[in-house]
Amino acid sequence: MGIARHRLGDAFRKKATRRETRGESAIVSLPDESELSAIWESECRQTVLESAMREMGETSRVSKLTLEAFRLHVVDELSAQDVANRLGTTPRAVYMAKHRCLRRLRSVVDVMNERFGLV
């Protein structure tokens, strides 16, 4: 993780030295260590979530409709009614999908975090 954090810092510094357009300052504020850490943590969480969702879809008995309802409601933050209208189901079914998927997703994320030492 330290190597990747330093590479990210290098990329920001390299970008700051390039002048993209005439009149643009060559000195651009670089994120400090805490900002880089926050960016890194956010990207790690997003990657783990995407991988866990993909693994959950491939390895569990959850239907594609249930996964889609969960994704739309939790990840895309649509209301249960909007998801139900879009998928032709009921808001109760959307909440049940959320309940089923969250329980399974938590266990998959825990395993992935342990595997990669992100706990």
PDB file of N, CA and C in Angstrom:
ATOM      1  N   MET A   1       0.825  -1.186   0.000  1.00  0.00           N
ATOM      2  CA  MET A   1       0.000   0.000   0.000  1.00  0.00           C
ATOM      3  C   MET A   1       0.868   1.249   0.000  1.00  0.00           C
ATOM      4  N   GLY A   2       1.995   1.189   0.683  1.00  0.00           N
ATOM      5  CA  GLY A   2       2.889   2.336   0.719  1.00  0.00           C
ATOM      6  C   GLY A   2       3.441   2.663  -0.658  1.00  0.00           C
ATOM      7  N   ILE A   3       3.784   1.625  -1.413  1.00  0.00           N
ATOM      8  CA  ILE A   3       4.302   1.831  -2.769  1.00  0.00           C
ATOM      9  C   ILE A   3       3.243   2.512  -3.626  1.00  0.00           C
ATOM     10  N   ALA A   4       2.022   2.013  -3.547  1.00  0.00           N
ATOM     11  CA  ALA A   4       0.943   2.602  -4.352  1.00  0.00           C
ATOM     12  C   ALA A   4       0.684   4.049  -3.933  1.00  0.00           C
ATOM     13  N   ARG A   5       0.751   4.337  -2.653  1.00  0.00           N
ATOM     14  CA  ARG A   5       0.541   5.700  -2.166  1.00  0.00           C
ATOM     15  C   ARG A   5       1.617   6.632  -2.720  1.00  0.00           C
ATOM     16  N   HIS A   6       2.864   6.156  -2.730  1.00  0.00           N
ATOM     17  CA  HIS A   6       3.947   6.982  -3.269  1.00  0.00           C
ATOM     18  C   HIS A   6       3.811   7.161  -4.782  1.00  0.00           C
ATOM     19  N   ARG A   7       3.371   6.121  -5.461  1.00  0.00           N
ATOM     20  CA  ARG A   7       3.138   6.248  -6.907  1.00  0.00           C
ATOM     21  C   ARG A   7       2.053   7.274  -7.203  1.00  0.00           C
ATOM     22  N   LEU A   8       1.015   7.278  -6.384  1.00  0.00           N
ATOM     23  CA  LEU A   8      -0.051   8.257  -6.539  1.00  0.00           C
ATOM     24  C   LEU A   8       0.484   9.672  -6.337  1.00  0.00           C
ATOM     25  N   GLY A   9       1.313   9.855  -5.336  1.00  0.00           N
ATOM     26  CA  GLY A   9       1.943  11.150  -5.102  1.00  0.00           C
ATOM     27  C   GLY A   9       2.823  11.555  -6.273  1.00  0.00           C
ATOM     28  N   ASP A  10       3.586  10.595  -6.813  1.00  0.00           N
ATOM     29  CA  ASP A  10       4.423  10.876  -7.987  1.00  0.00           C
ATOM     30  C   ASP A  10       3.576  11.320  -9.164  1.00  0.00           C
ATOM     31  N   ALA A  11       2.445  10.659  -9.354  1.00  0.00           N
ATOM     32  CA  ALA A  11       1.561  11.010 -10.473  1.00  0.00           C
ATOM     33  C   ALA A  11       1.022  12.424 -10.315  1.00  0.00           C
ATOM     34  N   PHE A  12       0.646  12.805  -9.089  1.00  0.00           N
ATOM     35  CA  PHE A  12       0.162  14.168  -8.848  1.00  0.00           C
ATOM     36  C   PHE A  12       1.265  15.187  -9.112  1.00  0.00           C
ATOM     37  N   ARG A  13       2.485  14.878  -8.648  1.00  0.00           N
ATOM     38  CA  ARG A  13       3.596  15.803  -8.865  1.00  0.00           C
ATOM     39  C   ARG A  13       3.922  15.928 -10.345  1.00  0.00           C
ATOM     40  N   LYS A  14       3.907  14.824 -11.073  1.00  0.00           N
ATOM     41  CA  LYS A  14       4.200  14.849 -12.503  1.00  0.00           C
ATOM     42  C   LYS A  14       3.153  15.676 -13.253  1.00  0.00           C
ATOM     43  N   LYS A  15       1.894  15.480 -12.884  1.00  0.00           N
ATOM     44  CA  LYS A  15       0.822  16.230 -13.520  1.00  0.00           C
ATOM     45  C   LYS A  15       0.953  17.723 -13.225  1.00  0.00           C
ATOM     46  N   ALA A  16       1.395  18.047 -12.018  1.00  0.00           N
ATOM     47  CA  ALA A  16       1.530  19.446 -11.625  1.00  0.00           C
ATOM     48  C   ALA A  16       2.612  20.165 -12.412  1.00  0.00           C
ATOM     49  N   THR A  17       3.620  19.441 -12.884  1.00  0.00           N
ATOM     50  CA  THR A  17       4.712  20.091 -13.618  1.00  0.00           C
ATOM     51  C   THR A  17       4.374  20.330 -15.081  1.00  0.00           C
ATOM     52  N   ARG A  18       3.350  19.668 -15.589  1.00  0.00           N
ATOM     53  CA  ARG A  18       2.955  19.865 -16.995  1.00  0.00           C
ATOM     54  C   ARG A  18       2.040  21.064 -17.116  1.00  0.00           C
ATOM     55  N   ARG A  19       2.236  21.842 -18.133  1.00  0.00           N
ATOM     56  CA  ARG A  19       1.339  22.962 -18.417  1.00  0.00           C
ATOM     57  C   ARG A  19       0.428  22.530 -19.539  1.00  0.00           C
ATOM     58  N   GLU A  20      -0.823  22.308 -19.188  1.00  0.00           N
ATOM     59  CA  GLU A  20      -1.789  21.817 -20.164  1.00  0.00           C
ATOM     60  C   GLU A  20      -2.219  22.906 -21.142  1.00  0.00           C
ATOM     61  N   THR A  21      -2.464  24.100 -20.648  1.00  0.00           N
ATOM     62  CA  THR A  21      -2.913  25.194 -21.510  1.00  0.00           C
ATOM     63  C   THR A  21      -2.120  26.444 -21.183  1.00  0.00           C
ATOM     64  N   ARG A  22      -2.070  27.341 -22.114  1.00  0.00           N
ATOM     65  CA  ARG A  22      -1.328  28.583 -21.922  1.00  0.00           C
ATOM     66  C   ARG A  22      -1.938  29.368 -20.761  1.00  0.00           C
ATOM     67  N   GLY A  23      -1.084  29.864 -19.895  1.00  0.00           N
ATOM     68  CA  GLY A  23      -1.547  30.649 -18.771  1.00  0.00           C
ATOM     69  C   GLY A  23      -1.822  29.837 -17.522  1.00  0.00           C
ATOM     70  N   GLU A  24      -1.784  28.526 -17.634  1.00  0.00           N
ATOM     71  CA  GLU A  24      -2.037  27.683 -16.474  1.00  0.00           C
ATOM     72  C   GLU A  24      -0.782  27.614 -15.619  1.00  0.00           C
ATOM     73  N   SER A  25      -0.936  27.732 -14.344  1.00  0.00           N
ATOM     74  CA  SER A  25       0.203  27.727 -13.435  1.00  0.00           C
ATOM     75  C   SER A  25       0.824  26.338 -13.376  1.00  0.00           C
ATOM     76  N   ALA A  26       2.137  26.321 -13.319  1.00  0.00           N
ATOM     77  CA  ALA A  26       2.849  25.056 -13.190  1.00  0.00           C
ATOM     78  C   ALA A  26       2.832  24.572 -11.748  1.00  0.00           C
ATOM     79  N   ILE A  27       2.497  25.472 -10.831  1.00  0.00           N
ATOM     80  CA  ILE A  27       2.455  25.098  -9.419  1.00  0.00           C
ATOM     81  C   ILE A  27       1.011  24.829  -9.038  1.00  0.00           C
ATOM     82  N   VAL A  28       0.746  23.594  -8.768  1.00  0.00           N
ATOM     83  CA  VAL A  28      -0.590  23.170  -8.375  1.00  0.00           C
ATOM     84  C   VAL A  28      -0.471  22.569  -6.984  1.00  0.00           C
ATOM     85  N   SER A  29      -1.446  22.841  -6.149  1.00  0.00           N
ATOM     86  CA  SER A  29      -1.372  22.297  -4.797  1.00  0.00           C
ATOM     87  C   SER A  29      -1.484  20.786  -4.842  1.00  0.00           C
ATOM     88  N   LEU A  30      -0.527  20.163  -4.218  1.00  0.00           N
ATOM     89  CA  LEU A  30      -0.522  18.710  -4.128  1.00  0.00           C
ATOM     90  C   LEU A  30      -1.232  18.295  -2.855  1.00  0.00           C
ATOM     91  N   PRO A  31      -1.933  17.178  -2.901  1.00  0.00           N
ATOM     92  CA  PRO A  31      -2.579  16.704  -1.678  1.00  0.00           C
ATOM     93  C   PRO A  31      -1.524  16.327  -0.639  1.00  0.00           C
ATOM     94  N   ASP A  32      -1.827  16.609   0.618  1.00  0.00           N
ATOM     95  CA  ASP A  32      -0.891  16.223   1.665  1.00  0.00           C
ATOM     96  C   ASP A  32      -1.076  14.740   1.998  1.00  0.00           C
ATOM     97  N   GLU A  33      -0.274  14.269   2.925  1.00  0.00           N
ATOM     98  CA  GLU A  33      -0.274  12.837   3.271  1.00  0.00           C
ATOM     99  C   GLU A  33      -1.650  12.350   3.724  1.00  0.00           C
ATOM    100  N   SER A  34      -2.360  13.159   4.514  1.00  0.00           N
ATOM    101  CA  SER A  34      -3.675  12.733   4.998  1.00  0.00           C
ATOM    102  C   SER A  34      -4.684  12.654   3.850  1.00  0.00           C
ATOM    103  N   GLU A  35      -4.607  13.594   2.898  1.00  0.00           N
ATOM    104  CA  GLU A  35      -5.506  13.544   1.740  1.00  0.00           C
ATOM    105  C   GLU A  35      -5.202  12.325   0.872  1.00  0.00           C
ATOM    106  N   LEU A  36      -3.910  12.044   0.666  1.00  0.00           N
ATOM    107  CA  LEU A  36      -3.537  10.861  -0.108  1.00  0.00           C
ATOM    108  C   LEU A  36      -4.030   9.591   0.574  1.00  0.00           C
ATOM    109  N   SER A  37      -3.911   9.543   1.891  1.00  0.00           N
ATOM    110  CA  SER A  37      -4.392   8.375   2.637  1.00  0.00           C
ATOM    111  C   SER A  37      -5.901   8.220   2.487  1.00  0.00           C
ATOM    112  N   ALA A  38      -6.615   9.341   2.562  1.00  0.00           N
ATOM    113  CA  ALA A  38      -8.078   9.294   2.417  1.00  0.00           C
ATOM    114  C   ALA A  38      -8.468   8.829   1.019  1.00  0.00           C
ATOM    115  N   ILE A  39      -7.771   9.337   0.004  1.00  0.00           N
ATOM    116  CA  ILE A  39      -8.042   8.907  -1.373  1.00  0.00           C
ATOM    117  C   ILE A  39      -7.763   7.419  -1.506  1.00  0.00           C
ATOM    118  N   TRP A  40      -6.633   6.993  -0.960  1.00  0.00           N
ATOM    119  CA  TRP A  40      -6.240   5.586  -1.050  1.00  0.00           C
ATOM    120  C   TRP A  40      -7.278   4.697  -0.360  1.00  0.00           C
ATOM    121  N   GLU A  41      -7.685   5.051   0.841  1.00  0.00           N
ATOM    122  CA  GLU A  41      -8.674   4.262   1.579  1.00  0.00           C
ATOM    123  C   GLU A  41      -9.997   4.197   0.833  1.00  0.00           C
ATOM    124  N   SER A  42     -10.416   5.305   0.271  1.00  0.00           N
ATOM    125  CA  SER A  42     -11.664   5.341  -0.488  1.00  0.00           C
ATOM    126  C   SER A  42     -11.595   4.423  -1.700  1.00  0.00           C
ATOM    127  N   GLU A  43     -10.485   4.481  -2.417  1.00  0.00           N
ATOM    128  CA  GLU A  43     -10.312   3.616  -3.592  1.00  0.00           C
ATOM    129  C   GLU A  43     -10.263   2.142  -3.192  1.00  0.00           C
ATOM    130  N   CYS A  44      -9.610   1.850  -2.078  1.00  0.00           N
ATOM    131  CA  CYS A  44      -9.551   0.463  -1.596  1.00  0.00           C
ATOM    132  C   CYS A  44     -10.947  -0.054  -1.261  1.00  0.00           C
ATOM    133  N   ARG A  45     -11.716   0.759  -0.531  1.00  0.00           N
ATOM    134  CA  ARG A  45     -13.080   0.344  -0.169  1.00  0.00           C
ATOM    135  C   ARG A  45     -13.930   0.123  -1.411  1.00  0.00           C
ATOM    136  N   GLN A  46     -13.813   1.020  -2.384  1.00  0.00           N
ATOM    137  CA  GLN A  46     -14.596   0.896  -3.619  1.00  0.00           C
ATOM    138  C   GLN A  46     -14.218  -0.371  -4.378  1.00  0.00           C
ATOM    139  N   THR A  47     -12.920  -0.652  -4.459  1.00  0.00           N
ATOM    140  CA  THR A  47     -12.452  -1.848  -5.161  1.00  0.00           C
ATOM    141  C   THR A  47     -12.914  -3.112  -4.456  1.00  0.00           C
ATOM    142  N   VAL A  48     -12.823  -3.128  -3.132  1.00  0.00           N
ATOM    143  CA  VAL A  48     -13.282  -4.292  -2.363  1.00  0.00           C
ATOM    144  C   VAL A  48     -14.779  -4.485  -2.554  1.00  0.00           C
ATOM    145  N   LEU A  49     -15.552  -3.402  -2.518  1.00  0.00           N
ATOM    146  CA  LEU A  49     -16.998  -3.496  -2.706  1.00  0.00           C
ATOM    147  C   LEU A  49     -17.333  -4.058  -4.086  1.00  0.00           C
ATOM    148  N   GLU A  50     -16.697  -3.540  -5.121  1.00  0.00           N
ATOM    149  CA  GLU A  50     -16.961  -4.031  -6.482  1.00  0.00           C
ATOM    150  C   GLU A  50     -16.586  -5.500  -6.624  1.00  0.00           C
ATOM    151  N   SER A  51     -15.441  -5.885  -6.070  1.00  0.00           N
ATOM    152  CA  SER A  51     -15.011  -7.283  -6.135  1.00  0.00           C
ATOM    153  C   SER A  51     -15.960  -8.184  -5.347  1.00  0.00           C
ATOM    154  N   ALA A  52     -16.383  -7.719  -4.184  1.00  0.00           N
ATOM    155  CA  ALA A  52     -17.297  -8.508  -3.355  1.00  0.00           C
ATOM    156  C   ALA A  52     -18.651  -8.668  -4.036  1.00  0.00           C
ATOM    157  N   MET A  53     -19.139  -7.604  -4.669  1.00  0.00           N
ATOM    158  CA  MET A  53     -20.418  -7.704  -5.402  1.00  0.00           C
ATOM    159  C   MET A  53     -20.298  -8.710  -6.545  1.00  0.00           C
ATOM    160  N   ARG A  54     -19.185  -8.648  -7.262  1.00  0.00           N
ATOM    161  CA  ARG A  54     -18.979  -9.578  -8.377  1.00  0.00           C
ATOM    162  C   ARG A  54     -18.898 -11.017  -7.866  1.00  0.00           C
ATOM    163  N   GLU A  55     -18.124 -11.227  -6.787  1.00  0.00           N
ATOM    164  CA  GLU A  55     -18.001 -12.563  -6.215  1.00  0.00           C
ATOM    165  C   GLU A  55     -19.334 -13.064  -5.682  1.00  0.00           C
ATOM    166  N   MET A  56     -20.095 -12.184  -5.043  1.00  0.00           N
ATOM    167  CA  MET A  56     -21.398 -12.571  -4.516  1.00  0.00           C
ATOM    168  C   MET A  56     -22.317 -13.016  -5.654  1.00  0.00           C
ATOM    169  N   GLY A  57     -22.272 -12.313  -6.775  1.00  0.00           N
ATOM    170  CA  GLY A  57     -23.097 -12.686  -7.918  1.00  0.00           C
ATOM    171  C   GLY A  57     -22.700 -14.019  -8.524  1.00  0.00           C
ATOM    172  N   GLU A  58     -21.404 -14.329  -8.463  1.00  0.00           N
ATOM    173  CA  GLU A  58     -20.910 -15.565  -9.072  1.00  0.00           C
ATOM    174  C   GLU A  58     -21.039 -16.777  -8.161  1.00  0.00           C
ATOM    175  N   THR A  59     -20.928 -16.567  -6.843  1.00  0.00           N
ATOM    176  CA  THR A  59     -20.850 -17.717  -5.946  1.00  0.00           C
ATOM    177  C   THR A  59     -22.084 -17.967  -5.095  1.00  0.00           C
ATOM    178  N   SER A  60     -22.997 -17.029  -5.037  1.00  0.00           N
ATOM    179  CA  SER A  60     -24.164 -17.237  -4.177  1.00  0.00           C
ATOM    180  C   SER A  60     -25.387 -17.600  -5.009  1.00  0.00           C
ATOM    181  N   ARG A  61     -26.433 -17.983  -4.305  1.00  0.00           N
ATOM    182  CA  ARG A  61     -27.669 -18.372  -4.985  1.00  0.00           C
ATOM    183  C   ARG A  61     -28.615 -17.194  -5.150  1.00  0.00           C
ATOM    184  N   VAL A  62     -28.127 -15.997  -4.931  1.00  0.00           N
ATOM    185  CA  VAL A  62     -28.948 -14.802  -5.060  1.00  0.00           C
ATOM    186  C   VAL A  62     -29.254 -14.566  -6.539  1.00  0.00           C
ATOM    187  N   SER A  63     -30.514 -14.300  -6.832  1.00  0.00           N
ATOM    188  CA  SER A  63     -30.903 -14.101  -8.236  1.00  0.00           C
ATOM    189  C   SER A  63     -30.372 -12.774  -8.766  1.00  0.00           C
ATOM    190  N   LYS A  64     -30.309 -12.675 -10.073  1.00  0.00           N
ATOM    191  CA  LYS A  64     -29.830 -11.438 -10.716  1.00  0.00           C
ATOM    192  C   LYS A  64     -30.761 -10.264 -10.393  1.00  0.00           C
ATOM    193  N   LEU A  65     -32.066 -10.534 -10.313  1.00  0.00           N
ATOM    194  CA  LEU A  65     -33.031  -9.493  -9.967  1.00  0.00           C
ATOM    195  C   LEU A  65     -32.786  -8.964  -8.556  1.00  0.00           C
ATOM    196  N   THR A  66     -32.497  -9.862  -7.628  1.00  0.00           N
ATOM    197  CA  THR A  66     -32.211  -9.469  -6.252  1.00  0.00           C
ATOM    198  C   THR A  66     -30.950  -8.614  -6.196  1.00  0.00           C
ATOM    199  N   LEU A  67     -29.907  -9.039  -6.901  1.00  0.00           N
ATOM    200  CA  LEU A  67     -28.664  -8.274  -6.939  1.00  0.00           C
ATOM    201  C   LEU A  67     -28.870  -6.896  -7.564  1.00  0.00           C
ATOM    202  N   GLU A  68     -29.646  -6.842  -8.621  1.00  0.00           N
ATOM    203  CA  GLU A  68     -29.902  -5.565  -9.287  1.00  0.00           C
ATOM    204  C   GLU A  68     -30.691  -4.634  -8.373  1.00  0.00           C
ATOM    205  N   ALA A  69     -31.678  -5.178  -7.674  1.00  0.00           N
ATOM    206  CA  ALA A  69     -32.461  -4.369  -6.735  1.00  0.00           C
ATOM    207  C   ALA A  69     -31.555  -3.828  -5.629  1.00  0.00           C
ATOM    208  N   PHE A  70     -30.683  -4.671  -5.131  1.00  0.00           N
ATOM    209  CA  PHE A  70     -29.742  -4.248  -4.097  1.00  0.00           C
ATOM    210  C   PHE A  70     -28.823  -3.145  -4.618  1.00  0.00           C
ATOM    211  N   ARG A  71     -28.254  -3.342  -5.788  1.00  0.00           N
ATOM    212  CA  ARG A  71     -27.330  -2.364  -6.364  1.00  0.00           C
ATOM    213  C   ARG A  71     -28.010  -1.008  -6.567  1.00  0.00           C
ATOM    214  N   LEU A  72     -29.207  -1.047  -7.149  1.00  0.00           N
ATOM    215  CA  LEU A  72     -29.918   0.205  -7.407  1.00  0.00           C
ATOM    216  C   LEU A  72     -30.292   0.934  -6.117  1.00  0.00           C
ATOM    217  N   HIS A  73     -30.729   0.162  -5.126  1.00  0.00           N
ATOM    218  CA  HIS A  73     -31.195   0.780  -3.882  1.00  0.00           C
ATOM    219  C   HIS A  73     -30.035   1.233  -2.987  1.00  0.00           C
ATOM    220  N   VAL A  74     -29.016   0.391  -2.823  1.00  0.00           N
ATOM    221  CA  VAL A  74     -27.945   0.690  -1.875  1.00  0.00           C
ATOM    222  C   VAL A  74     -26.795   1.461  -2.528  1.00  0.00           C
ATOM    223  N   VAL A  75     -26.317   0.986  -3.648  1.00  0.00           N
ATOM    224  CA  VAL A  75     -25.151   1.610  -4.278  1.00  0.00           C
ATOM    225  C   VAL A  75     -25.549   2.882  -5.030  1.00  0.00           C
ATOM    226  N   ASP A  76     -26.595   2.790  -5.859  1.00  0.00           N
ATOM    227  CA  ASP A  76     -27.025   3.956  -6.641  1.00  0.00           C
ATOM    228  C   ASP A  76     -27.962   4.879  -5.859  1.00  0.00           C
ATOM    229  N   GLU A  77     -28.366   4.445  -4.663  1.00  0.00           N
ATOM    230  CA  GLU A  77     -29.177   5.227  -3.731  1.00  0.00           C
ATOM    231  C   GLU A  77     -30.527   5.673  -4.298  1.00  0.00           C
ATOM    232  N   LEU A  78     -31.164   4.799  -5.066  1.00  0.00           N
ATOM    233  CA  LEU A  78     -32.535   5.063  -5.513  1.00  0.00           C
ATOM    234  C   LEU A  78     -33.491   4.624  -4.409  1.00  0.00           C
ATOM    235  N   SER A  79     -34.646   5.245  -4.356  1.00  0.00           N
ATOM    236  CA  SER A  79     -35.625   4.854  -3.340  1.00  0.00           C
ATOM    237  C   SER A  79     -36.172   3.462  -3.661  1.00  0.00           C
ATOM    238  N   ALA A  80     -36.700   2.812  -2.644  1.00  0.00           N
ATOM    239  CA  ALA A  80     -37.253   1.466  -2.832  1.00  0.00           C
ATOM    240  C   ALA A  80     -38.394   1.499  -3.846  1.00  0.00           C
ATOM    241  N   GLN A  81     -39.191   2.541  -3.812  1.00  0.00           N
ATOM    242  CA  GLN A  81     -40.308   2.662  -4.762  1.00  0.00           C
ATOM    243  C   GLN A  81     -39.789   2.810  -6.191  1.00  0.00           C
ATOM    244  N   ASP A  82     -38.768   3.634  -6.395  1.00  0.00           N
ATOM    245  CA  ASP A  82     -38.197   3.810  -7.735  1.00  0.00           C
ATOM    246  C   ASP A  82     -37.611   2.505  -8.265  1.00  0.00           C
ATOM    247  N   VAL A  83     -36.914   1.774  -7.396  1.00  0.00           N
ATOM    248  CA  VAL A  83     -36.334   0.486  -7.799  1.00  0.00           C
ATOM    249  C   VAL A  83     -37.446  -0.497  -8.142  1.00  0.00           C
ATOM    250  N   ALA A  84     -38.468  -0.538  -7.304  1.00  0.00           N
ATOM    251  CA  ALA A  84     -39.590  -1.443  -7.550  1.00  0.00           C
ATOM    252  C   ALA A  84     -40.260  -1.129  -8.878  1.00  0.00           C
ATOM    253  N   ASN A  85     -40.478   0.152  -9.160  1.00  0.00           N
ATOM    254  CA  ASN A  85     -41.083   0.539 -10.438  1.00  0.00           C
ATOM    255  C   ASN A  85     -40.197   0.139 -11.613  1.00  0.00           C
ATOM    256  N   ARG A  86     -38.913   0.355 -11.471  1.00  0.00           N
ATOM    257  CA  ARG A  86     -37.976   0.050 -12.555  1.00  0.00           C
ATOM    258  C   ARG A  86     -37.892  -1.450 -12.836  1.00  0.00           C
ATOM    259  N   LEU A  87     -37.938  -2.260 -11.768  1.00  0.00           N
ATOM    260  CA  LEU A  87     -37.753  -3.708 -11.925  1.00  0.00           C
ATOM    261  C   LEU A  87     -39.071  -4.483 -11.951  1.00  0.00           C
ATOM    262  N   GLY A  88     -40.182  -3.785 -11.804  1.00  0.00           N
ATOM    263  CA  GLY A  88     -41.479  -4.465 -11.839  1.00  0.00           C
ATOM    264  C   GLY A  88     -41.724  -5.344 -10.631  1.00  0.00           C
ATOM    265  N   THR A  89     -41.363  -4.856  -9.467  1.00  0.00           N
ATOM    266  CA  THR A  89     -41.552  -5.612  -8.240  1.00  0.00           C
ATOM    267  C   THR A  89     -42.141  -4.678  -7.176  1.00  0.00           C
ATOM    268  N   THR A  90     -42.127  -5.080  -5.928  1.00  0.00           N
ATOM    269  CA  THR A  90     -42.695  -4.267  -4.856  1.00  0.00           C
ATOM    270  C   THR A  90     -41.581  -3.671  -3.995  1.00  0.00           C
ATOM    271  N   PRO A  91     -41.877  -2.579  -3.298  1.00  0.00           N
ATOM    272  CA  PRO A  91     -40.879  -2.027  -2.374  1.00  0.00           C
ATOM    273  C   PRO A  91     -40.469  -3.037  -1.293  1.00  0.00           C
ATOM    274  N   ARG A  92     -41.404  -3.853  -0.858  1.00  0.00           N
ATOM    275  CA  ARG A  92     -41.066  -4.873   0.144  1.00  0.00           C
ATOM    276  C   ARG A  92     -40.022  -5.838  -0.397  1.00  0.00           C
ATOM    277  N   ALA A  93     -40.157  -6.225  -1.666  1.00  0.00           N
ATOM    278  CA  ALA A  93     -39.175  -7.122  -2.281  1.00  0.00           C
ATOM    279  C   ALA A  93     -37.797  -6.446  -2.370  1.00  0.00           C
ATOM    280  N   VAL A  94     -37.793  -5.142  -2.587  1.00  0.00           N
ATOM    281  CA  VAL A  94     -36.525  -4.401  -2.640  1.00  0.00           C
ATOM    282  C   VAL A  94     -35.862  -4.420  -1.257  1.00  0.00           C
ATOM    283  N   TYR A  95     -36.640  -4.191  -0.212  1.00  0.00           N
ATOM    284  CA  TYR A  95     -36.087  -4.228   1.142  1.00  0.00           C
ATOM    285  C   TYR A  95     -35.596  -5.632   1.505  1.00  0.00           C
ATOM    286  N   MET A  96     -36.299  -6.650   1.067  1.00  0.00           N
ATOM    287  CA  MET A  96     -35.859  -8.024   1.322  1.00  0.00           C
ATOM    288  C   MET A  96     -34.557  -8.314   0.572  1.00  0.00           C
ATOM    289  N   ALA A  97     -34.444  -7.810  -0.646  1.00  0.00           N
ATOM    290  CA  ALA A  97     -33.210  -7.980  -1.415  1.00  0.00           C
ATOM    291  C   ALA A  97     -32.047  -7.306  -0.685  1.00  0.00           C
ATOM    292  N   LYS A  98     -32.301  -6.118  -0.168  1.00  0.00           N
ATOM    293  CA  LYS A  98     -31.270  -5.392   0.579  1.00  0.00           C
ATOM    294  C   LYS A  98     -30.830  -6.205   1.791  1.00  0.00           C
ATOM    295  N   HIS A  99     -31.787  -6.734   2.524  1.00  0.00           N
ATOM    296  CA  HIS A  99     -31.481  -7.521   3.717  1.00  0.00           C
ATOM    297  C   HIS A  99     -30.649  -8.756   3.367  1.00  0.00           C
ATOM    298  N   ARG A 100     -31.074  -9.500   2.370  1.00  0.00           N
ATOM    299  CA  ARG A 100     -30.365 -10.726   1.976  1.00  0.00           C
ATOM    300  C   ARG A 100     -28.947 -10.423   1.495  1.00  0.00           C
ATOM    301  N   CYS A 101     -28.838  -9.423   0.641  1.00  0.00           N
ATOM    302  CA  CYS A 101     -27.542  -9.119   0.038  1.00  0.00           C
ATOM    303  C   CYS A 101     -26.571  -8.497   1.040  1.00  0.00           C
ATOM    304  N   LEU A 102     -27.056  -7.640   1.930  1.00  0.00           N
ATOM    305  CA  LEU A 102     -26.161  -7.024   2.899  1.00  0.00           C
ATOM    306  C   LEU A 102     -25.513  -8.061   3.805  1.00  0.00           C
ATOM    307  N   ARG A 103     -26.303  -9.016   4.246  1.00  0.00           N
ATOM    308  CA  ARG A 103     -25.758 -10.059   5.118  1.00  0.00           C
ATOM    309  C   ARG A 103     -24.664 -10.834   4.396  1.00  0.00           C
ATOM    310  N   ARG A 104     -24.933 -11.233   3.174  1.00  0.00           N
ATOM    311  CA  ARG A 104     -23.952 -11.995   2.394  1.00  0.00           C
ATOM    312  C   ARG A 104     -22.753 -11.124   2.026  1.00  0.00           C
ATOM    313  N   LEU A 105     -23.010  -9.883   1.652  1.00  0.00           N
ATOM    314  CA  LEU A 105     -21.933  -8.981   1.240  1.00  0.00           C
ATOM    315  C   LEU A 105     -20.967  -8.719   2.389  1.00  0.00           C
ATOM    316  N   ARG A 106     -21.494  -8.547   3.591  1.00  0.00           N
ATOM    317  CA  ARG A 106     -20.622  -8.320   4.745  1.00  0.00           C
ATOM    318  C   ARG A 106     -19.656  -9.478   4.945  1.00  0.00           C
ATOM    319  N   SER A 107     -20.158 -10.697   4.813  1.00  0.00           N
ATOM    320  CA  SER A 107     -19.274 -11.850   5.011  1.00  0.00           C
ATOM    321  C   SER A 107     -18.225 -11.935   3.899  1.00  0.00           C
ATOM    322  N   VAL A 108     -18.607 -11.637   2.667  1.00  0.00           N
ATOM    323  CA  VAL A 108     -17.650 -11.661   1.552  1.00  0.00           C
ATOM    324  C   VAL A 108     -16.596 -10.576   1.743  1.00  0.00           C
ATOM    325  N   VAL A 109     -17.009  -9.379   2.138  1.00  0.00           N
ATOM    326  CA  VAL A 109     -16.065  -8.272   2.363  1.00  0.00           C
ATOM    327  C   VAL A 109     -15.115  -8.611   3.503  1.00  0.00           C
ATOM    328  N   ASP A 110     -15.618  -9.202   4.574  1.00  0.00           N
ATOM    329  CA  ASP A 110     -14.754  -9.585   5.694  1.00  0.00           C
ATOM    330  C   ASP A 110     -13.675 -10.556   5.242  1.00  0.00           C
ATOM    331  N   VAL A 111     -14.052 -11.545   4.451  1.00  0.00           N
ATOM    332  CA  VAL A 111     -13.078 -12.519   3.938  1.00  0.00           C
ATOM    333  C   VAL A 111     -12.049 -11.819   3.057  1.00  0.00           C
ATOM    334  N   MET A 112     -12.496 -10.929   2.187  1.00  0.00           N
ATOM    335  CA  MET A 112     -11.572 -10.219   1.306  1.00  0.00           C
ATOM    336  C   MET A 112     -10.634  -9.314   2.093  1.00  0.00           C
ATOM    337  N   ASN A 113     -11.160  -8.616   3.086  1.00  0.00           N
ATOM    338  CA  ASN A 113     -10.315  -7.753   3.908  1.00  0.00           C
ATOM    339  C   ASN A 113      -9.245  -8.549   4.642  1.00  0.00           C
ATOM    340  N   GLU A 114      -9.625  -9.716   5.162  1.00  0.00           N
ATOM    341  CA  GLU A 114      -8.649 -10.587   5.835  1.00  0.00           C
ATOM    342  C   GLU A 114      -7.613 -11.097   4.848  1.00  0.00           C
ATOM    343  N   ARG A 115      -8.060 -11.473   3.663  1.00  0.00           N
ATOM    344  CA  ARG A 115      -7.174 -12.009   2.629  1.00  0.00           C
ATOM    345  C   ARG A 115      -6.107 -10.994   2.232  1.00  0.00           C
ATOM    346  N   PHE A 116      -6.512  -9.725   2.117  1.00  0.00           N
ATOM    347  CA  PHE A 116      -5.589  -8.688   1.654  1.00  0.00           C
ATOM    348  C   PHE A 116      -5.026  -7.841   2.788  1.00  0.00           C
ATOM    349  N   GLY A 117      -5.356  -8.193   4.030  1.00  0.00           N
ATOM    350  CA  GLY A 117      -4.815  -7.474   5.171  1.00  0.00           C
ATOM    351  C   GLY A 117      -5.310  -6.047   5.280  1.00  0.00           C
ATOM    352  N   LEU A 118      -6.557  -5.802   4.915  1.00  0.00           N
ATOM    353  CA  LEU A 118      -7.094  -4.449   4.936  1.00  0.00           C
ATOM    354  C   LEU A 118      -7.910  -4.153   6.179  1.00  0.00           C
ATOM    355  N   VAL A 119      -7.944  -5.075   7.106  1.00  0.00           N
ATOM    356  CA  VAL A 119      -8.759  -4.900   8.307  1.00  0.00           C
ATOM    357  C   VAL A 119      -8.226  -3.814   9.176  1.00  0.00           C
TER     358      VAL A 119
END
